[in-house]
Amino acid sequence: MSRSVAELSVPADHPALPGHFPGQPIVPGVVLLALVHDQARSQLGFGDGPSRWQRLKFLRPICPDERFRILIDGDADAFRFQIETTAGAAVARGQCRHAGLA
């Protein structure tokens, strides 16, 4: 099992932000999950293809340009993740694994 840590932010001009609470945008959960998935692929070798997200919990929003960390523990078949602010406040957590097509 490997561990990966990345510090990121989502720029204020990201195309998903204008429609996600106009006037007070927050980063959509699906954008955060895409960043987690990208990190798992590049750092752990998690493969493309069908995957199953489990035990997802979003605890606080992330604003545009806000710095946050993605922590991932796992391997090429499955991983657990946590997203936290740079101050250590929990943002989201969950698990992902490969899943066959039903």
N, C-alpha and C. Protein backbone atom coordinates (compact mmCIF):
# COMPACT_ATOMS: atom_id res chain seq x y z
N MET A 1 0.86 -1.18 0.00
CA MET A 1 0.00 0.00 0.00
C MET A 1 0.90 1.24 0.00
N SER A 2 0.53 2.21 -0.79
CA SER A 2 1.28 3.45 -0.91
C SER A 2 0.48 4.63 -0.39
N ARG A 3 1.17 5.71 -0.12
CA ARG A 3 0.53 6.94 0.33
C ARG A 3 0.93 8.06 -0.61
N SER A 4 -0.05 8.89 -0.94
CA SER A 4 0.18 10.04 -1.80
C SER A 4 -0.44 11.27 -1.13
N VAL A 5 0.29 12.38 -1.17
CA VAL A 5 -0.22 13.65 -0.65
C VAL A 5 0.03 14.71 -1.71
N ALA A 6 -1.00 15.49 -2.02
CA ALA A 6 -0.86 16.57 -2.99
C ALA A 6 -1.57 17.80 -2.46
N GLU A 7 -0.99 18.97 -2.67
CA GLU A 7 -1.64 20.22 -2.30
C GLU A 7 -2.07 20.91 -3.59
N LEU A 8 -3.34 21.29 -3.64
CA LEU A 8 -3.94 21.84 -4.86
C LEU A 8 -4.87 23.00 -4.54
N SER A 9 -5.38 23.60 -5.57
CA SER A 9 -6.50 24.55 -5.49
C SER A 9 -7.22 24.48 -6.83
N VAL A 10 -8.45 24.94 -6.83
CA VAL A 10 -9.24 25.00 -8.06
C VAL A 10 -9.36 26.48 -8.41
N PRO A 11 -8.86 26.89 -9.58
CA PRO A 11 -8.86 28.32 -9.92
C PRO A 11 -10.28 28.88 -10.07
N ALA A 12 -10.39 30.16 -9.77
CA ALA A 12 -11.69 30.83 -9.82
C ALA A 12 -12.30 30.83 -11.22
N ASP A 13 -11.49 30.63 -12.24
CA ASP A 13 -12.02 30.61 -13.61
C ASP A 13 -12.35 29.20 -14.10
N HIS A 14 -12.37 28.21 -13.20
CA HIS A 14 -12.73 26.84 -13.59
C HIS A 14 -14.13 26.84 -14.19
N PRO A 15 -14.36 26.13 -15.30
CA PRO A 15 -15.66 26.18 -15.98
C PRO A 15 -16.84 25.63 -15.17
N ALA A 16 -16.61 24.85 -14.12
CA ALA A 16 -17.72 24.30 -13.33
C ALA A 16 -18.24 25.29 -12.29
N LEU A 17 -17.52 26.37 -12.03
CA LEU A 17 -17.89 27.25 -10.93
C LEU A 17 -19.03 28.23 -11.21
N PRO A 18 -19.15 28.82 -12.39
CA PRO A 18 -20.20 29.84 -12.57
C PRO A 18 -21.62 29.35 -12.25
N GLY A 19 -21.94 28.12 -12.56
CA GLY A 19 -23.29 27.63 -12.31
C GLY A 19 -23.47 26.99 -10.95
N HIS A 20 -22.42 26.93 -10.17
CA HIS A 20 -22.50 26.26 -8.87
C HIS A 20 -22.54 27.32 -7.78
N PHE A 21 -23.75 27.79 -7.53
CA PHE A 21 -24.05 28.85 -6.57
C PHE A 21 -23.51 30.20 -7.03
N PRO A 22 -24.12 30.75 -8.09
CA PRO A 22 -23.70 32.06 -8.60
C PRO A 22 -23.65 33.10 -7.48
N GLY A 23 -22.62 33.90 -7.50
CA GLY A 23 -22.44 34.94 -6.48
C GLY A 23 -21.63 34.45 -5.29
N GLN A 24 -21.70 33.17 -4.97
CA GLN A 24 -20.91 32.57 -3.90
C GLN A 24 -20.50 31.17 -4.33
N PRO A 25 -19.64 31.05 -5.34
CA PRO A 25 -19.30 29.73 -5.88
C PRO A 25 -18.53 28.87 -4.89
N ILE A 26 -18.79 27.58 -4.96
CA ILE A 26 -17.99 26.58 -4.26
C ILE A 26 -17.60 25.52 -5.29
N VAL A 27 -16.54 24.80 -4.99
CA VAL A 27 -16.07 23.76 -5.89
C VAL A 27 -17.02 22.57 -5.80
N PRO A 28 -17.62 22.13 -6.91
CA PRO A 28 -18.53 20.98 -6.87
C PRO A 28 -17.79 19.71 -6.42
N GLY A 29 -18.51 18.85 -5.72
CA GLY A 29 -17.95 17.59 -5.25
C GLY A 29 -17.40 16.75 -6.38
N VAL A 30 -18.04 16.77 -7.53
CA VAL A 30 -17.56 15.96 -8.65
C VAL A 30 -16.20 16.45 -9.14
N VAL A 31 -15.92 17.73 -9.04
CA VAL A 31 -14.61 18.25 -9.41
C VAL A 31 -13.56 17.76 -8.42
N LEU A 32 -13.90 17.77 -7.12
CA LEU A 32 -12.98 17.26 -6.11
C LEU A 32 -12.69 15.77 -6.34
N LEU A 33 -13.74 15.00 -6.64
CA LEU A 33 -13.54 13.57 -6.88
C LEU A 33 -12.69 13.32 -8.13
N ALA A 34 -12.86 14.14 -9.15
CA ALA A 34 -12.03 14.00 -10.35
C ALA A 34 -10.55 14.26 -10.02
N LEU A 35 -10.29 15.23 -9.15
CA LEU A 35 -8.91 15.50 -8.74
C LEU A 35 -8.34 14.34 -7.93
N VAL A 36 -9.17 13.76 -7.06
CA VAL A 36 -8.74 12.58 -6.29
C VAL A 36 -8.41 11.44 -7.24
N HIS A 37 -9.30 11.18 -8.19
CA HIS A 37 -9.09 10.09 -9.15
C HIS A 37 -7.82 10.31 -9.97
N ASP A 38 -7.61 11.54 -10.43
CA ASP A 38 -6.39 11.85 -11.19
C ASP A 38 -5.15 11.60 -10.35
N GLN A 39 -5.20 11.99 -9.08
CA GLN A 39 -4.06 11.79 -8.19
C GLN A 39 -3.80 10.30 -7.97
N ALA A 40 -4.86 9.52 -7.78
CA ALA A 40 -4.70 8.07 -7.58
C ALA A 40 -4.11 7.41 -8.83
N ARG A 41 -4.54 7.86 -10.01
CA ARG A 41 -3.99 7.30 -11.25
C ARG A 41 -2.51 7.64 -11.40
N SER A 42 -2.15 8.89 -11.17
CA SER A 42 -0.77 9.29 -11.42
C SER A 42 0.19 8.82 -10.32
N GLN A 43 -0.25 8.73 -9.09
CA GLN A 43 0.66 8.39 -8.00
C GLN A 43 0.62 6.93 -7.56
N LEU A 44 -0.54 6.27 -7.71
CA LEU A 44 -0.68 4.89 -7.25
C LEU A 44 -0.84 3.90 -8.39
N GLY A 45 -1.00 4.40 -9.61
CA GLY A 45 -1.22 3.52 -10.74
C GLY A 45 -2.64 2.98 -10.82
N PHE A 46 -3.59 3.64 -10.13
CA PHE A 46 -4.99 3.22 -10.18
C PHE A 46 -5.44 3.32 -11.63
N GLY A 47 -5.95 2.20 -12.16
CA GLY A 47 -6.27 2.13 -13.58
C GLY A 47 -7.56 2.82 -13.98
N ASP A 48 -7.66 3.06 -15.28
CA ASP A 48 -8.91 3.58 -15.84
C ASP A 48 -9.94 2.46 -15.88
N GLY A 49 -11.15 2.81 -16.20
CA GLY A 49 -12.21 1.82 -16.29
C GLY A 49 -13.24 2.03 -15.19
N PRO A 50 -14.21 1.14 -15.13
CA PRO A 50 -15.29 1.31 -14.14
C PRO A 50 -14.73 1.30 -12.72
N SER A 51 -15.24 2.19 -11.91
CA SER A 51 -14.85 2.24 -10.50
C SER A 51 -16.08 2.48 -9.66
N ARG A 52 -15.98 2.11 -8.41
CA ARG A 52 -17.09 2.27 -7.47
C ARG A 52 -16.62 3.14 -6.31
N TRP A 53 -17.30 4.27 -6.14
CA TRP A 53 -17.03 5.17 -5.02
C TRP A 53 -17.92 4.74 -3.86
N GLN A 54 -17.35 4.67 -2.66
CA GLN A 54 -18.10 4.23 -1.50
C GLN A 54 -17.81 5.13 -0.30
N ARG A 55 -18.77 5.16 0.61
CA ARG A 55 -18.62 5.87 1.89
C ARG A 55 -18.15 7.29 1.71
N LEU A 56 -18.72 7.97 0.71
CA LEU A 56 -18.36 9.37 0.46
C LEU A 56 -19.02 10.25 1.50
N LYS A 57 -18.26 11.18 2.02
CA LYS A 57 -18.78 12.12 3.01
C LYS A 57 -18.14 13.47 2.73
N PHE A 58 -18.97 14.46 2.45
CA PHE A 58 -18.51 15.83 2.25
C PHE A 58 -18.85 16.62 3.50
N LEU A 59 -17.84 17.22 4.12
CA LEU A 59 -18.00 17.83 5.43
C LEU A 59 -18.01 19.35 5.43
N ARG A 60 -17.37 19.94 4.45
CA ARG A 60 -17.36 21.40 4.33
C ARG A 60 -17.03 21.76 2.89
N PRO A 61 -17.45 22.93 2.44
CA PRO A 61 -17.16 23.32 1.06
C PRO A 61 -15.73 23.83 0.89
N ILE A 62 -15.29 23.80 -0.34
CA ILE A 62 -14.02 24.41 -0.75
C ILE A 62 -14.37 25.56 -1.69
N CYS A 63 -13.79 26.71 -1.46
CA CYS A 63 -14.03 27.88 -2.29
C CYS A 63 -12.99 27.96 -3.41
N PRO A 64 -13.30 28.67 -4.48
CA PRO A 64 -12.32 28.85 -5.55
C PRO A 64 -11.02 29.44 -5.00
N ASP A 65 -9.89 28.98 -5.50
CA ASP A 65 -8.55 29.42 -5.13
C ASP A 65 -8.13 29.03 -3.71
N GLU A 66 -8.98 28.33 -2.96
CA GLU A 66 -8.62 27.88 -1.62
C GLU A 66 -7.68 26.67 -1.73
N ARG A 67 -6.58 26.70 -1.02
CA ARG A 67 -5.62 25.58 -1.03
C ARG A 67 -6.15 24.45 -0.17
N PHE A 68 -5.96 23.21 -0.62
CA PHE A 68 -6.36 22.02 0.13
C PHE A 68 -5.42 20.89 -0.19
N ARG A 69 -5.46 19.84 0.64
CA ARG A 69 -4.61 18.67 0.43
C ARG A 69 -5.48 17.46 0.14
N ILE A 70 -4.98 16.60 -0.74
CA ILE A 70 -5.58 15.29 -1.00
C ILE A 70 -4.61 14.25 -0.48
N LEU A 71 -5.08 13.41 0.45
CA LEU A 71 -4.27 12.33 1.00
C LEU A 71 -4.90 11.01 0.56
N ILE A 72 -4.09 10.16 -0.05
CA ILE A 72 -4.60 8.89 -0.58
C ILE A 72 -3.73 7.75 -0.08
N ASP A 73 -4.38 6.69 0.38
CA ASP A 73 -3.70 5.45 0.76
C ASP A 73 -4.30 4.33 -0.08
N GLY A 74 -3.47 3.57 -0.78
CA GLY A 74 -4.00 2.47 -1.57
C GLY A 74 -3.00 1.96 -2.58
N ASP A 75 -3.57 1.34 -3.62
CA ASP A 75 -2.74 0.75 -4.66
C ASP A 75 -3.49 0.83 -5.99
N ALA A 76 -3.08 0.04 -6.95
CA ALA A 76 -3.66 0.09 -8.29
C ALA A 76 -5.09 -0.44 -8.36
N ASP A 77 -5.56 -1.11 -7.29
CA ASP A 77 -6.90 -1.70 -7.30
C ASP A 77 -7.92 -0.96 -6.44
N ALA A 78 -7.47 -0.31 -5.36
CA ALA A 78 -8.39 0.36 -4.45
C ALA A 78 -7.64 1.39 -3.62
N PHE A 79 -8.36 2.41 -3.17
CA PHE A 79 -7.74 3.42 -2.31
C PHE A 79 -8.78 4.08 -1.41
N ARG A 80 -8.27 4.64 -0.32
CA ARG A 80 -9.05 5.49 0.58
C ARG A 80 -8.48 6.90 0.43
N PHE A 81 -9.33 7.90 0.60
CA PHE A 81 -8.84 9.27 0.47
C PHE A 81 -9.44 10.17 1.53
N GLN A 82 -8.73 11.26 1.75
CA GLN A 82 -9.24 12.34 2.59
C GLN A 82 -8.81 13.63 1.94
N ILE A 83 -9.70 14.60 1.95
CA ILE A 83 -9.38 15.95 1.51
C ILE A 83 -9.46 16.81 2.75
N GLU A 84 -8.47 17.67 2.93
CA GLU A 84 -8.47 18.55 4.09
C GLU A 84 -7.94 19.92 3.68
N THR A 85 -8.30 20.93 4.46
CA THR A 85 -7.76 22.27 4.24
C THR A 85 -6.28 22.25 4.63
N THR A 86 -5.55 23.26 4.24
CA THR A 86 -4.14 23.32 4.62
C THR A 86 -3.99 23.50 6.13
N ALA A 87 -5.05 23.92 6.82
CA ALA A 87 -5.03 24.02 8.28
C ALA A 87 -5.41 22.69 8.94
N GLY A 88 -5.78 21.69 8.14
CA GLY A 88 -6.09 20.37 8.66
C GLY A 88 -7.55 20.08 8.90
N ALA A 89 -8.46 20.99 8.54
CA ALA A 89 -9.90 20.75 8.70
C ALA A 89 -10.39 19.77 7.63
N ALA A 90 -11.15 18.77 8.04
CA ALA A 90 -11.66 17.75 7.12
C ALA A 90 -12.66 18.37 6.13
N VAL A 91 -12.48 18.04 4.86
CA VAL A 91 -13.37 18.51 3.79
C VAL A 91 -14.21 17.35 3.27
N ALA A 92 -13.57 16.22 2.95
CA ALA A 92 -14.27 15.06 2.40
C ALA A 92 -13.43 13.81 2.63
N ARG A 93 -14.11 12.66 2.55
CA ARG A 93 -13.40 11.38 2.65
C ARG A 93 -14.22 10.32 1.95
N GLY A 94 -13.58 9.20 1.67
CA GLY A 94 -14.28 8.10 1.04
C GLY A 94 -13.32 7.04 0.55
N GLN A 95 -13.86 6.15 -0.28
CA GLN A 95 -13.09 5.04 -0.83
C GLN A 95 -13.46 4.86 -2.29
N CYS A 96 -12.55 4.24 -3.02
CA CYS A 96 -12.83 3.93 -4.42
C CYS A 96 -12.12 2.63 -4.76
N ARG A 97 -12.77 1.81 -5.59
CA ARG A 97 -12.15 0.57 -6.03
C ARG A 97 -12.66 0.27 -7.43
N HIS A 98 -11.94 -0.61 -8.10
CA HIS A 98 -12.41 -1.03 -9.42
C HIS A 98 -13.68 -1.85 -9.29
N ALA A 99 -14.56 -1.70 -10.25
CA ALA A 99 -15.82 -2.43 -10.23
C ALA A 99 -16.11 -2.95 -11.63
N GLY A 100 -16.54 -4.16 -11.71
CA GLY A 100 -16.93 -4.73 -13.00
C GLY A 100 -18.25 -4.13 -13.47
N LEU A 101 -18.49 -4.21 -14.74
CA LEU A 101 -19.76 -3.73 -15.28
C LEU A 101 -20.87 -4.70 -14.91
N ALA A 102 -22.00 -4.15 -14.52
CA ALA A 102 -23.13 -5.00 -14.11
C ALA A 102 -23.94 -5.41 -15.32
